[in-house]
Amino acid sequence: MTRVLLISGSTLTGSLHTAALRTAARFAPQEITAALYEDLRELPAFVPGETPQGAVAELRAMVDAADALLFSTPEYAGSLPGSLKNLLDWLIDGGELGGKPAAWLSVVRPGVDEGARTGLEAVLEHGGARLLRPACIRLPLEMASIDGAGIITDGRLHVALQDMLEALVRALAEARPRPQPSWQAHSSVYPVVRRPDGSGGSPFGHASGQSAPKWLS
């Protein structure tokens, strides 16, 4: 089971970005557990080096437990909302973003959130996160598509989210180190065969000047 933490950059009640992520949690494929982070307003202002407690400690624990992060954020004053930057500052200070796979979902038309998206990618890179570009998508939506439960009713998003989350799982699988073949892991136990001239041969018994068996090619 792949665990994805969904983080909205908006503190606005009824936010389109938050609704899109809430919808992602609702329509996630069976092999994915998606949880929406809902305590952005509760985070205190970042203080470098301060021991985290309460909401910050809970945030860090949630990020640690997640296999990947999925962000959706509006743009304020040409960049990231201050509340989201504050969240990221806490995570960078604690080292939780180091090596953490991440992706973004844009729900506005091109040119509306370029500053926020660029800023998000820059901060994630600074924190050592690994951006999974195959799982990043843009699908402009309308506020009218949010129903009374805060879910996006636009079927295009449901299909796109399925594709996006499945792409995220594939990207995670491809990024994981492949297991070492058992014969390779134990090759050191094979004796070194000495040639008549006293020089060492290969662990598999062929002289160093000869080609390796085809199954090793």
N, C-alpha and C. Protein backbone atom coordinates (compact mmCIF):
# COMPACT_ATOMS: atom_id res chain seq x y z
N MET A 1 0.84 -1.20 0.00
CA MET A 1 0.00 0.00 0.00
C MET A 1 0.87 1.25 0.00
N THR A 2 0.62 2.16 -0.93
CA THR A 2 1.36 3.42 -1.02
C THR A 2 0.60 4.51 -0.28
N ARG A 3 1.29 5.21 0.62
CA ARG A 3 0.66 6.26 1.43
C ARG A 3 1.04 7.63 0.88
N VAL A 4 0.03 8.41 0.51
CA VAL A 4 0.25 9.74 -0.06
C VAL A 4 -0.38 10.78 0.84
N LEU A 5 0.39 11.79 1.24
CA LEU A 5 -0.14 12.89 2.03
C LEU A 5 -0.46 14.05 1.11
N LEU A 6 -1.70 14.52 1.15
CA LEU A 6 -2.19 15.59 0.28
C LEU A 6 -2.13 16.91 1.04
N ILE A 7 -1.44 17.90 0.48
CA ILE A 7 -1.24 19.18 1.17
C ILE A 7 -1.71 20.33 0.29
N SER A 8 -2.73 21.04 0.77
CA SER A 8 -3.23 22.22 0.06
C SER A 8 -2.52 23.47 0.59
N GLY A 9 -2.23 24.39 -0.31
CA GLY A 9 -1.61 25.65 0.10
C GLY A 9 -2.61 26.72 0.45
N SER A 10 -3.90 26.38 0.47
CA SER A 10 -4.94 27.37 0.73
C SER A 10 -5.54 27.18 2.13
N THR A 11 -5.78 28.29 2.80
CA THR A 11 -6.48 28.27 4.10
C THR A 11 -7.94 28.70 3.93
N LEU A 12 -8.35 28.91 2.70
CA LEU A 12 -9.70 29.39 2.41
C LEU A 12 -10.72 28.27 2.51
N THR A 13 -11.78 28.50 3.27
CA THR A 13 -12.87 27.53 3.31
C THR A 13 -13.53 27.47 1.94
N GLY A 14 -13.71 26.28 1.41
CA GLY A 14 -14.28 26.15 0.08
C GLY A 14 -13.27 26.29 -1.03
N SER A 15 -11.99 26.20 -0.70
CA SER A 15 -10.92 26.34 -1.70
C SER A 15 -11.03 25.27 -2.79
N LEU A 16 -10.83 25.70 -4.03
CA LEU A 16 -10.84 24.79 -5.16
C LEU A 16 -9.69 23.78 -5.06
N HIS A 17 -8.52 24.25 -4.59
CA HIS A 17 -7.35 23.39 -4.47
C HIS A 17 -7.58 22.32 -3.40
N THR A 18 -8.13 22.73 -2.27
CA THR A 18 -8.41 21.76 -1.20
C THR A 18 -9.47 20.77 -1.64
N ALA A 19 -10.50 21.25 -2.35
CA ALA A 19 -11.55 20.36 -2.84
C ALA A 19 -10.98 19.33 -3.82
N ALA A 20 -10.04 19.75 -4.65
CA ALA A 20 -9.43 18.82 -5.61
C ALA A 20 -8.66 17.72 -4.88
N LEU A 21 -7.94 18.09 -3.83
CA LEU A 21 -7.19 17.09 -3.07
C LEU A 21 -8.13 16.20 -2.26
N ARG A 22 -9.20 16.77 -1.74
CA ARG A 22 -10.20 15.96 -1.03
C ARG A 22 -10.80 14.92 -1.99
N THR A 23 -10.99 15.33 -3.22
CA THR A 23 -11.50 14.43 -4.25
C THR A 23 -10.47 13.34 -4.56
N ALA A 24 -9.20 13.72 -4.55
CA ALA A 24 -8.13 12.73 -4.78
C ALA A 24 -8.17 11.65 -3.70
N ALA A 25 -8.42 12.05 -2.46
CA ALA A 25 -8.51 11.07 -1.38
C ALA A 25 -9.71 10.16 -1.58
N ARG A 26 -10.80 10.70 -2.08
CA ARG A 26 -12.02 9.93 -2.29
C ARG A 26 -11.87 8.93 -3.43
N PHE A 27 -11.20 9.32 -4.51
CA PHE A 27 -11.13 8.49 -5.71
C PHE A 27 -9.77 7.83 -5.91
N ALA A 28 -8.98 7.73 -4.87
CA ALA A 28 -7.67 7.09 -4.99
C ALA A 28 -7.82 5.61 -5.33
N PRO A 29 -6.94 5.05 -6.18
CA PRO A 29 -6.97 3.62 -6.48
C PRO A 29 -6.81 2.80 -5.21
N GLN A 30 -7.22 1.54 -5.26
CA GLN A 30 -7.21 0.69 -4.07
C GLN A 30 -5.83 0.52 -3.47
N GLU A 31 -4.78 0.57 -4.30
CA GLU A 31 -3.44 0.35 -3.78
C GLU A 31 -2.83 1.60 -3.15
N ILE A 32 -3.62 2.68 -3.06
CA ILE A 32 -3.14 3.94 -2.49
C ILE A 32 -4.00 4.38 -1.31
N THR A 33 -3.35 4.75 -0.23
CA THR A 33 -4.04 5.38 0.89
C THR A 33 -3.69 6.87 0.85
N ALA A 34 -4.66 7.71 0.60
CA ALA A 34 -4.43 9.15 0.48
C ALA A 34 -5.12 9.88 1.63
N ALA A 35 -4.37 10.72 2.32
CA ALA A 35 -4.91 11.47 3.46
C ALA A 35 -4.70 12.96 3.24
N LEU A 36 -5.73 13.74 3.50
CA LEU A 36 -5.65 15.19 3.33
C LEU A 36 -5.18 15.85 4.61
N TYR A 37 -4.10 16.65 4.52
CA TYR A 37 -3.62 17.41 5.68
C TYR A 37 -4.52 18.62 5.87
N GLU A 38 -5.07 18.78 7.08
CA GLU A 38 -6.08 19.81 7.31
C GLU A 38 -5.73 20.79 8.42
N ASP A 39 -4.48 20.84 8.84
CA ASP A 39 -4.11 21.70 9.97
C ASP A 39 -3.18 22.84 9.57
N LEU A 40 -3.26 23.30 8.33
CA LEU A 40 -2.37 24.37 7.88
C LEU A 40 -2.54 25.62 8.74
N ARG A 41 -3.77 25.93 9.12
CA ARG A 41 -4.03 27.12 9.93
C ARG A 41 -3.46 27.01 11.35
N GLU A 42 -3.25 25.77 11.79
CA GLU A 42 -2.83 25.56 13.18
C GLU A 42 -1.33 25.66 13.38
N LEU A 43 -0.57 25.69 12.30
CA LEU A 43 0.88 25.71 12.43
C LEU A 43 1.36 27.07 12.94
N PRO A 44 2.23 27.07 13.96
CA PRO A 44 2.79 28.35 14.42
C PRO A 44 3.82 28.87 13.43
N ALA A 45 4.16 30.13 13.56
CA ALA A 45 5.19 30.70 12.69
C ALA A 45 6.51 29.98 12.91
N PHE A 46 7.21 29.74 11.82
CA PHE A 46 8.48 29.00 11.89
C PHE A 46 9.52 29.77 12.70
N VAL A 47 10.16 29.06 13.62
CA VAL A 47 11.27 29.59 14.41
C VAL A 47 12.45 28.64 14.22
N PRO A 48 13.52 29.07 13.57
CA PRO A 48 14.64 28.16 13.28
C PRO A 48 15.18 27.49 14.54
N GLY A 49 15.33 26.16 14.46
CA GLY A 49 15.94 25.42 15.55
C GLY A 49 15.05 25.15 16.74
N GLU A 50 13.82 25.66 16.72
CA GLU A 50 12.94 25.46 17.87
C GLU A 50 12.43 24.02 17.89
N THR A 51 12.36 23.43 19.09
CA THR A 51 11.87 22.06 19.22
C THR A 51 10.38 22.02 18.89
N PRO A 52 10.01 21.22 17.88
CA PRO A 52 8.60 21.20 17.47
C PRO A 52 7.70 20.51 18.49
N GLN A 53 6.53 21.07 18.67
CA GLN A 53 5.53 20.48 19.54
C GLN A 53 4.17 20.60 18.87
N GLY A 54 3.20 19.90 19.38
CA GLY A 54 1.84 20.04 18.90
C GLY A 54 1.70 19.82 17.41
N ALA A 55 1.14 20.84 16.72
CA ALA A 55 0.82 20.71 15.30
C ALA A 55 2.05 20.46 14.44
N VAL A 56 3.19 21.05 14.81
CA VAL A 56 4.41 20.85 14.02
C VAL A 56 4.91 19.41 14.15
N ALA A 57 4.90 18.89 15.36
CA ALA A 57 5.33 17.51 15.57
C ALA A 57 4.43 16.54 14.83
N GLU A 58 3.13 16.81 14.83
CA GLU A 58 2.18 15.95 14.12
C GLU A 58 2.41 16.02 12.61
N LEU A 59 2.67 17.22 12.10
CA LEU A 59 2.96 17.38 10.67
C LEU A 59 4.18 16.57 10.29
N ARG A 60 5.24 16.70 11.04
CA ARG A 60 6.48 15.99 10.72
C ARG A 60 6.27 14.47 10.77
N ALA A 61 5.48 14.00 11.72
CA ALA A 61 5.21 12.57 11.82
C ALA A 61 4.42 12.09 10.60
N MET A 62 3.46 12.90 10.15
CA MET A 62 2.67 12.53 8.97
C MET A 62 3.53 12.48 7.72
N VAL A 63 4.42 13.43 7.57
CA VAL A 63 5.31 13.46 6.39
C VAL A 63 6.28 12.29 6.44
N ASP A 64 6.81 11.98 7.62
CA ASP A 64 7.70 10.84 7.76
C ASP A 64 7.01 9.54 7.35
N ALA A 65 5.74 9.41 7.72
CA ALA A 65 5.00 8.17 7.45
C ALA A 65 4.56 8.05 6.00
N ALA A 66 4.54 9.15 5.27
CA ALA A 66 4.05 9.14 3.89
C ALA A 66 5.13 8.65 2.92
N ASP A 67 4.70 7.92 1.90
CA ASP A 67 5.62 7.50 0.84
C ASP A 67 5.84 8.62 -0.17
N ALA A 68 4.87 9.54 -0.27
CA ALA A 68 4.97 10.65 -1.23
C ALA A 68 4.05 11.78 -0.78
N LEU A 69 4.33 12.98 -1.29
CA LEU A 69 3.53 14.17 -1.00
C LEU A 69 2.93 14.69 -2.29
N LEU A 70 1.66 15.12 -2.21
CA LEU A 70 1.00 15.74 -3.37
C LEU A 70 0.47 17.10 -2.96
N PHE A 71 0.95 18.16 -3.64
CA PHE A 71 0.59 19.53 -3.31
C PHE A 71 -0.37 20.10 -4.36
N SER A 72 -1.25 20.98 -3.90
CA SER A 72 -2.04 21.83 -4.79
C SER A 72 -2.15 23.18 -4.12
N THR A 73 -1.74 24.23 -4.82
CA THR A 73 -1.69 25.53 -4.14
C THR A 73 -2.09 26.68 -5.06
N PRO A 74 -2.77 27.67 -4.49
CA PRO A 74 -3.00 28.91 -5.24
C PRO A 74 -1.74 29.76 -5.24
N GLU A 75 -1.79 30.85 -5.97
CA GLU A 75 -0.68 31.80 -5.99
C GLU A 75 -1.13 33.09 -5.33
N TYR A 76 -0.31 33.59 -4.39
CA TYR A 76 -0.59 34.87 -3.73
C TYR A 76 0.60 35.80 -3.96
N ALA A 77 0.34 37.00 -4.44
CA ALA A 77 1.39 38.01 -4.63
C ALA A 77 2.55 37.46 -5.46
N GLY A 78 2.23 36.65 -6.45
CA GLY A 78 3.25 36.16 -7.36
C GLY A 78 4.08 35.00 -6.88
N SER A 79 3.69 34.40 -5.74
CA SER A 79 4.51 33.31 -5.21
C SER A 79 3.65 32.37 -4.37
N LEU A 80 4.32 31.55 -3.55
CA LEU A 80 3.61 30.65 -2.65
C LEU A 80 2.86 31.42 -1.57
N PRO A 81 1.71 30.91 -1.13
CA PRO A 81 1.06 31.49 0.05
C PRO A 81 2.01 31.38 1.25
N GLY A 82 2.00 32.39 2.11
CA GLY A 82 2.89 32.37 3.27
C GLY A 82 2.65 31.18 4.18
N SER A 83 1.40 30.73 4.27
CA SER A 83 1.08 29.60 5.16
C SER A 83 1.75 28.32 4.67
N LEU A 84 1.77 28.11 3.34
CA LEU A 84 2.41 26.91 2.81
C LEU A 84 3.93 27.01 2.93
N LYS A 85 4.48 28.19 2.69
CA LYS A 85 5.93 28.37 2.85
C LYS A 85 6.32 28.11 4.29
N ASN A 86 5.49 28.53 5.24
CA ASN A 86 5.75 28.29 6.66
C ASN A 86 5.80 26.78 6.94
N LEU A 87 4.84 26.03 6.37
CA LEU A 87 4.84 24.57 6.52
C LEU A 87 6.12 23.97 5.97
N LEU A 88 6.51 24.41 4.79
CA LEU A 88 7.71 23.86 4.17
C LEU A 88 8.97 24.23 4.95
N ASP A 89 8.99 25.42 5.54
CA ASP A 89 10.14 25.82 6.36
C ASP A 89 10.32 24.86 7.54
N TRP A 90 9.20 24.49 8.19
CA TRP A 90 9.27 23.54 9.31
C TRP A 90 9.83 22.20 8.84
N LEU A 91 9.40 21.75 7.66
CA LEU A 91 9.84 20.45 7.16
C LEU A 91 11.31 20.47 6.74
N ILE A 92 11.73 21.57 6.14
CA ILE A 92 13.14 21.68 5.74
C ILE A 92 14.03 21.72 6.97
N ASP A 93 13.60 22.44 8.00
CA ASP A 93 14.39 22.54 9.23
C ASP A 93 14.53 21.18 9.89
N GLY A 94 13.50 20.35 9.80
CA GLY A 94 13.55 19.03 10.43
C GLY A 94 14.13 17.95 9.54
N GLY A 95 14.36 18.26 8.26
CA GLY A 95 14.95 17.29 7.34
C GLY A 95 13.96 16.29 6.76
N GLU A 96 12.64 16.52 6.98
CA GLU A 96 11.65 15.54 6.50
C GLU A 96 11.51 15.49 4.99
N LEU A 97 11.91 16.55 4.29
CA LEU A 97 11.77 16.57 2.83
C LEU A 97 12.92 15.86 2.13
N GLY A 98 13.99 15.56 2.84
CA GLY A 98 15.15 14.93 2.22
C GLY A 98 14.81 13.60 1.57
N GLY A 99 14.89 13.53 0.24
CA GLY A 99 14.61 12.32 -0.49
C GLY A 99 13.14 11.97 -0.63
N LYS A 100 12.25 12.82 -0.11
CA LYS A 100 10.82 12.52 -0.15
C LYS A 100 10.25 12.78 -1.55
N PRO A 101 9.63 11.78 -2.18
CA PRO A 101 9.00 12.00 -3.49
C PRO A 101 7.82 12.96 -3.37
N ALA A 102 7.66 13.84 -4.36
CA ALA A 102 6.60 14.84 -4.32
C ALA A 102 6.11 15.13 -5.73
N ALA A 103 4.86 15.60 -5.80
CA ALA A 103 4.26 16.00 -7.08
C ALA A 103 3.29 17.13 -6.81
N TRP A 104 2.80 17.77 -7.88
CA TRP A 104 1.82 18.85 -7.71
C TRP A 104 0.65 18.66 -8.65
N LEU A 105 -0.49 19.20 -8.24
CA LEU A 105 -1.71 19.21 -9.04
C LEU A 105 -2.15 20.66 -9.20
N SER A 106 -2.22 21.13 -10.44
CA SER A 106 -2.68 22.49 -10.70
C SER A 106 -4.12 22.43 -11.21
N VAL A 107 -4.99 23.26 -10.65
CA VAL A 107 -6.41 23.24 -11.04
C VAL A 107 -6.84 24.57 -11.65
N VAL A 108 -5.87 25.37 -12.10
CA VAL A 108 -6.17 26.65 -12.75
C VAL A 108 -5.50 26.67 -14.12
N ARG A 109 -5.89 27.60 -14.94
CA ARG A 109 -5.36 27.67 -16.30
C ARG A 109 -3.90 28.14 -16.29
N PRO A 110 -3.14 27.81 -17.33
CA PRO A 110 -1.74 28.24 -17.41
C PRO A 110 -1.60 29.75 -17.28
N GLY A 111 -0.58 30.18 -16.59
CA GLY A 111 -0.31 31.60 -16.40
C GLY A 111 -0.88 32.17 -15.13
N VAL A 112 -1.76 31.42 -14.45
CA VAL A 112 -2.38 31.92 -13.22
C VAL A 112 -1.57 31.57 -11.98
N ASP A 113 -0.87 30.43 -12.02
CA ASP A 113 -0.16 29.98 -10.82
C ASP A 113 1.31 29.66 -11.08
N GLU A 114 1.88 30.23 -12.15
CA GLU A 114 3.26 29.90 -12.49
C GLU A 114 4.24 30.28 -11.38
N GLY A 115 3.99 31.42 -10.74
CA GLY A 115 4.87 31.85 -9.65
C GLY A 115 4.82 30.89 -8.48
N ALA A 116 3.62 30.43 -8.13
CA ALA A 116 3.47 29.50 -7.02
C ALA A 116 4.10 28.16 -7.35
N ARG A 117 3.85 27.67 -8.55
CA ARG A 117 4.39 26.36 -8.95
C ARG A 117 5.91 26.38 -9.01
N THR A 118 6.45 27.46 -9.60
CA THR A 118 7.90 27.59 -9.66
C THR A 118 8.50 27.70 -8.27
N GLY A 119 7.84 28.48 -7.41
CA GLY A 119 8.32 28.62 -6.04
C GLY A 119 8.27 27.31 -5.28
N LEU A 120 7.18 26.56 -5.47
CA LEU A 120 7.04 25.27 -4.80
C LEU A 120 8.16 24.33 -5.22
N GLU A 121 8.42 24.24 -6.52
CA GLU A 121 9.46 23.35 -7.01
C GLU A 121 10.83 23.78 -6.46
N ALA A 122 11.08 25.09 -6.38
CA ALA A 122 12.37 25.57 -5.87
C ALA A 122 12.55 25.21 -4.41
N VAL A 123 11.49 25.38 -3.61
CA VAL A 123 11.59 25.07 -2.17
C VAL A 123 11.74 23.56 -1.96
N LEU A 124 11.00 22.77 -2.71
CA LEU A 124 11.12 21.32 -2.60
C LEU A 124 12.54 20.87 -2.95
N GLU A 125 13.10 21.45 -4.01
CA GLU A 125 14.46 21.11 -4.40
C GLU A 125 15.45 21.50 -3.31
N HIS A 126 15.25 22.69 -2.74
CA HIS A 126 16.14 23.15 -1.66
C HIS A 126 16.08 22.21 -0.47
N GLY A 127 14.89 21.66 -0.21
CA GLY A 127 14.73 20.75 0.93
C GLY A 127 15.16 19.33 0.63
N GLY A 128 15.58 19.06 -0.60
CA GLY A 128 16.06 17.73 -0.95
C GLY A 128 14.98 16.77 -1.39
N ALA A 129 13.76 17.26 -1.61
CA ALA A 129 12.68 16.39 -2.08
C ALA A 129 12.94 15.98 -3.53
N ARG A 130 12.28 14.91 -3.95
CA ARG A 130 12.45 14.38 -5.30
C ARG A 130 11.15 14.59 -6.07
N LEU A 131 11.15 15.54 -7.01
CA LEU A 131 9.95 15.86 -7.76
C LEU A 131 9.68 14.78 -8.81
N LEU A 132 8.49 14.17 -8.74
CA LEU A 132 8.09 13.13 -9.69
C LEU A 132 7.29 13.79 -10.81
N ARG A 133 7.95 14.27 -11.83
CA ARG A 133 7.29 15.03 -12.89
C ARG A 133 6.23 14.23 -13.65
N PRO A 134 6.39 12.91 -13.83
CA PRO A 134 5.32 12.17 -14.52
C PRO A 134 3.99 12.20 -13.78
N ALA A 135 4.02 12.51 -12.49
CA ALA A 135 2.80 12.54 -11.69
C ALA A 135 2.27 13.96 -11.50
N CYS A 136 2.88 14.96 -12.12
CA CYS A 136 2.42 16.35 -12.01
C CYS A 136 1.48 16.66 -13.17
N ILE A 137 0.29 17.17 -12.86
CA ILE A 137 -0.66 17.47 -13.94
C ILE A 137 -1.34 18.81 -13.72
N ARG A 138 -1.87 19.37 -14.82
CA ARG A 138 -2.68 20.58 -14.76
C ARG A 138 -4.05 20.28 -15.37
N LEU A 139 -5.10 20.57 -14.62
CA LEU A 139 -6.46 20.41 -15.12
C LEU A 139 -7.31 21.56 -14.59
N PRO A 140 -7.51 22.62 -15.39
CA PRO A 140 -8.29 23.77 -14.92
C PRO A 140 -9.72 23.36 -14.57
N LEU A 141 -10.19 23.80 -13.42
CA LEU A 141 -11.53 23.48 -12.92
C LEU A 141 -12.29 24.76 -12.59
N GLU A 142 -13.58 24.62 -12.39
CA GLU A 142 -14.43 25.75 -12.02
C GLU A 142 -14.95 25.58 -10.60
N MET A 143 -15.13 26.69 -9.89
CA MET A 143 -15.66 26.63 -8.53
C MET A 143 -17.04 25.96 -8.51
N ALA A 144 -17.79 26.09 -9.59
CA ALA A 144 -19.13 25.51 -9.66
C ALA A 144 -19.11 23.99 -9.63
N SER A 145 -17.94 23.39 -9.83
CA SER A 145 -17.85 21.93 -9.84
C SER A 145 -17.73 21.34 -8.44
N ILE A 146 -17.67 22.20 -7.40
CA ILE A 146 -17.58 21.71 -6.02
C ILE A 146 -18.99 21.48 -5.49
N ASP A 147 -19.25 20.26 -4.97
CA ASP A 147 -20.58 19.98 -4.43
C ASP A 147 -20.67 20.35 -2.95
N GLY A 148 -21.79 20.04 -2.32
CA GLY A 148 -22.01 20.43 -0.93
C GLY A 148 -21.09 19.75 0.06
N ALA A 149 -20.50 18.63 -0.34
CA ALA A 149 -19.57 17.91 0.54
C ALA A 149 -18.11 18.30 0.30
N GLY A 150 -17.91 19.30 -0.57
CA GLY A 150 -16.55 19.75 -0.86
C GLY A 150 -15.80 18.84 -1.81
N ILE A 151 -16.52 18.09 -2.64
CA ILE A 151 -15.93 17.18 -3.62
C ILE A 151 -16.14 17.74 -5.02
N ILE A 152 -15.13 17.60 -5.88
CA ILE A 152 -15.24 18.03 -7.27
C ILE A 152 -16.07 17.02 -8.05
N THR A 153 -17.11 17.50 -8.72
CA THR A 153 -17.99 16.60 -9.46
C THR A 153 -17.58 16.42 -10.92
N ASP A 154 -16.63 17.20 -11.38
CA ASP A 154 -16.17 17.11 -12.76
C ASP A 154 -15.50 15.76 -13.00
N GLY A 155 -16.10 14.93 -13.85
CA GLY A 155 -15.58 13.60 -14.11
C GLY A 155 -14.18 13.58 -14.70
N ARG A 156 -13.81 14.67 -15.37
CA ARG A 156 -12.45 14.72 -15.94
C ARG A 156 -11.40 14.63 -14.84
N LEU A 157 -11.69 15.26 -13.70
CA LEU A 157 -10.74 15.22 -12.60
C LEU A 157 -10.63 13.80 -12.04
N HIS A 158 -11.74 13.10 -11.94
CA HIS A 158 -11.71 11.75 -11.40
C HIS A 158 -10.81 10.86 -12.24
N VAL A 159 -10.93 10.97 -13.56
CA VAL A 159 -10.09 10.18 -14.46
C VAL A 159 -8.62 10.62 -14.35
N ALA A 160 -8.40 11.95 -14.33
CA ALA A 160 -7.04 12.48 -14.26
C ALA A 160 -6.37 12.07 -12.95
N LEU A 161 -7.12 12.07 -11.86
CA LEU A 161 -6.55 11.69 -10.56
C LEU A 161 -6.16 10.23 -10.54
N GLN A 162 -6.98 9.38 -11.14
CA GLN A 162 -6.63 7.96 -11.23
C GLN A 162 -5.30 7.81 -11.98
N ASP A 163 -5.18 8.49 -13.14
CA ASP A 163 -3.96 8.41 -13.93
C ASP A 163 -2.78 8.98 -13.16
N MET A 164 -3.01 10.11 -12.50
CA MET A 164 -1.94 10.79 -11.77
C MET A 164 -1.40 9.93 -10.64
N LEU A 165 -2.30 9.37 -9.83
CA LEU A 165 -1.88 8.59 -8.68
C LEU A 165 -1.23 7.28 -9.11
N GLU A 166 -1.72 6.69 -10.19
CA GLU A 166 -1.10 5.48 -10.71
C GLU A 166 0.30 5.79 -11.26
N ALA A 167 0.45 6.96 -11.90
CA ALA A 167 1.77 7.38 -12.39
C ALA A 167 2.72 7.60 -11.22
N LEU A 168 2.18 8.12 -10.13
CA LEU A 168 3.00 8.34 -8.94
C LEU A 168 3.50 7.00 -8.38
N VAL A 169 2.61 6.01 -8.33
CA VAL A 169 3.01 4.69 -7.84
C VAL A 169 4.08 4.09 -8.75
N ARG A 170 3.90 4.22 -10.07
CA ARG A 170 4.90 3.70 -11.00
C ARG A 170 6.25 4.40 -10.82
N ALA A 171 6.20 5.72 -10.65
CA ALA A 171 7.44 6.48 -10.48
C ALA A 171 8.15 6.06 -9.20
N LEU A 172 7.39 5.81 -8.16
CA LEU A 172 7.98 5.35 -6.90
C LEU A 172 8.63 3.98 -7.08
N ALA A 173 7.94 3.09 -7.78
CA ALA A 173 8.47 1.75 -8.00
C ALA A 173 9.75 1.78 -8.81
N GLU A 174 9.77 2.63 -9.83
CA GLU A 174 10.96 2.72 -10.68
C GLU A 174 12.14 3.33 -9.94
N ALA A 175 11.86 4.16 -8.94
CA ALA A 175 12.92 4.84 -8.21
C ALA A 175 13.52 3.96 -7.11
N ARG A 176 12.79 2.91 -6.71
CA ARG A 176 13.31 2.04 -5.65
C ARG A 176 14.47 1.22 -6.19
N PRO A 177 15.52 1.01 -5.35
CA PRO A 177 16.65 0.20 -5.81
C PRO A 177 16.23 -1.23 -6.07
N ARG A 178 16.73 -1.79 -7.15
CA ARG A 178 16.41 -3.17 -7.48
C ARG A 178 17.21 -4.13 -6.60
N PRO A 179 16.61 -5.24 -6.20
CA PRO A 179 17.34 -6.20 -5.36
C PRO A 179 18.51 -6.80 -6.11
N GLN A 180 19.61 -7.03 -5.41
CA GLN A 180 20.81 -7.60 -6.02
C GLN A 180 20.58 -9.09 -6.27
N PRO A 181 20.91 -9.59 -7.47
CA PRO A 181 20.75 -11.02 -7.74
C PRO A 181 21.50 -11.85 -6.71
N SER A 182 20.92 -12.97 -6.30
CA SER A 182 21.52 -13.79 -5.24
C SER A 182 22.90 -14.28 -5.64
N TRP A 183 23.09 -14.60 -6.95
CA TRP A 183 24.41 -15.09 -7.36
C TRP A 183 25.46 -14.00 -7.22
N GLN A 184 25.02 -12.73 -7.43
CA GLN A 184 25.96 -11.61 -7.33
C GLN A 184 26.29 -11.32 -5.87
N ALA A 185 25.25 -11.42 -5.04
CA ALA A 185 25.45 -11.12 -3.62
C ALA A 185 26.39 -12.11 -2.97
N HIS A 186 26.42 -13.33 -3.47
CA HIS A 186 27.23 -14.38 -2.85
C HIS A 186 28.45 -14.75 -3.68
N SER A 187 28.76 -13.96 -4.71
CA SER A 187 29.86 -14.31 -5.60
C SER A 187 31.20 -14.32 -4.87
N SER A 188 31.32 -13.58 -3.76
CA SER A 188 32.59 -13.51 -3.07
C SER A 188 32.98 -14.82 -2.42
N VAL A 189 32.03 -15.78 -2.30
CA VAL A 189 32.37 -17.05 -1.67
C VAL A 189 33.04 -18.00 -2.65
N TYR A 190 33.01 -17.68 -3.95
CA TYR A 190 33.63 -18.57 -4.92
C TYR A 190 35.15 -18.42 -4.87
N PRO A 191 35.90 -19.52 -4.98
CA PRO A 191 37.36 -19.42 -4.90
C PRO A 191 37.95 -18.75 -6.13
N VAL A 192 39.08 -18.11 -5.95
CA VAL A 192 39.81 -17.52 -7.06
C VAL A 192 40.71 -18.60 -7.65
N VAL A 193 40.54 -18.89 -8.93
CA VAL A 193 41.32 -19.93 -9.59
C VAL A 193 42.63 -19.35 -10.09
N ARG A 194 43.74 -19.94 -9.68
CA ARG A 194 45.06 -19.47 -10.11
C ARG A 194 45.47 -20.10 -11.43
N ARG A 195 45.98 -19.27 -12.32
CA ARG A 195 46.50 -19.77 -13.58
C ARG A 195 47.91 -20.27 -13.37
N PRO A 196 48.44 -21.01 -14.33
CA PRO A 196 49.80 -21.53 -14.17
C PRO A 196 50.83 -20.45 -13.90
N ASP A 197 50.60 -19.22 -14.43
CA ASP A 197 51.58 -18.16 -14.21
C ASP A 197 51.44 -17.52 -12.83
N GLY A 198 50.47 -18.01 -12.03
CA GLY A 198 50.32 -17.52 -10.67
C GLY A 198 49.38 -16.36 -10.52
N SER A 199 48.90 -15.78 -11.65
CA SER A 199 47.99 -14.63 -11.55
C SER A 199 46.59 -15.11 -11.25
N GLY A 200 45.79 -14.24 -10.70
CA GLY A 200 44.44 -14.60 -10.33
C GLY A 200 43.49 -14.61 -11.50
N GLY A 201 42.62 -15.59 -11.54
CA GLY A 201 41.57 -15.62 -12.54
C GLY A 201 40.31 -15.05 -11.96
N SER A 202 39.20 -15.29 -12.65
CA SER A 202 37.94 -14.76 -12.16
C SER A 202 37.34 -15.69 -11.14
N PRO A 203 36.42 -15.23 -10.31
CA PRO A 203 35.77 -16.08 -9.33
C PRO A 203 35.01 -17.23 -9.97
N PHE A 204 34.72 -17.13 -11.28
CA PHE A 204 33.94 -18.17 -11.94
C PHE A 204 34.84 -19.13 -12.72
N GLY A 205 36.16 -19.04 -12.56
CA GLY A 205 37.05 -20.06 -13.08
C GLY A 205 37.58 -19.83 -14.48
N HIS A 206 37.17 -18.69 -15.16
CA HIS A 206 37.73 -18.45 -16.49
C HIS A 206 38.88 -17.48 -16.38
N ALA A 207 39.87 -17.62 -17.21
CA ALA A 207 41.03 -16.75 -17.17
C ALA A 207 40.64 -15.33 -17.48
N SER A 208 41.38 -14.36 -16.91
CA SER A 208 41.01 -12.96 -17.06
C SER A 208 41.07 -12.50 -18.50
N GLY A 209 41.82 -13.19 -19.35
CA GLY A 209 41.91 -12.78 -20.74
C GLY A 209 40.80 -13.34 -21.60
N GLN A 210 39.97 -14.19 -21.02
CA GLN A 210 38.89 -14.79 -21.78
C GLN A 210 37.59 -14.09 -21.50
N SER A 211 36.62 -14.30 -22.37
CA SER A 211 35.34 -13.65 -22.19
C SER A 211 34.54 -14.37 -21.12
N ALA A 212 33.65 -13.62 -20.48
CA ALA A 212 32.79 -14.18 -19.44
C ALA A 212 31.71 -15.05 -20.05
N PRO A 213 31.14 -15.97 -19.27
CA PRO A 213 30.02 -16.78 -19.79
C PRO A 213 28.91 -15.87 -20.29
N LYS A 214 28.18 -16.34 -21.31
CA LYS A 214 27.14 -15.52 -21.92
C LYS A 214 26.07 -15.07 -20.93
N TRP A 215 25.77 -15.91 -19.92
CA TRP A 215 24.72 -15.53 -19.00
C TRP A 215 25.12 -14.40 -18.07
N LEU A 216 26.45 -14.05 -18.07
CA LEU A 216 26.93 -12.91 -17.30
C LEU A 216 27.08 -11.68 -18.15
N SER A 217 26.88 -11.81 -19.48
CA SER A 217 27.10 -10.67 -20.39
C SER A 217 26.03 -9.64 -20.19
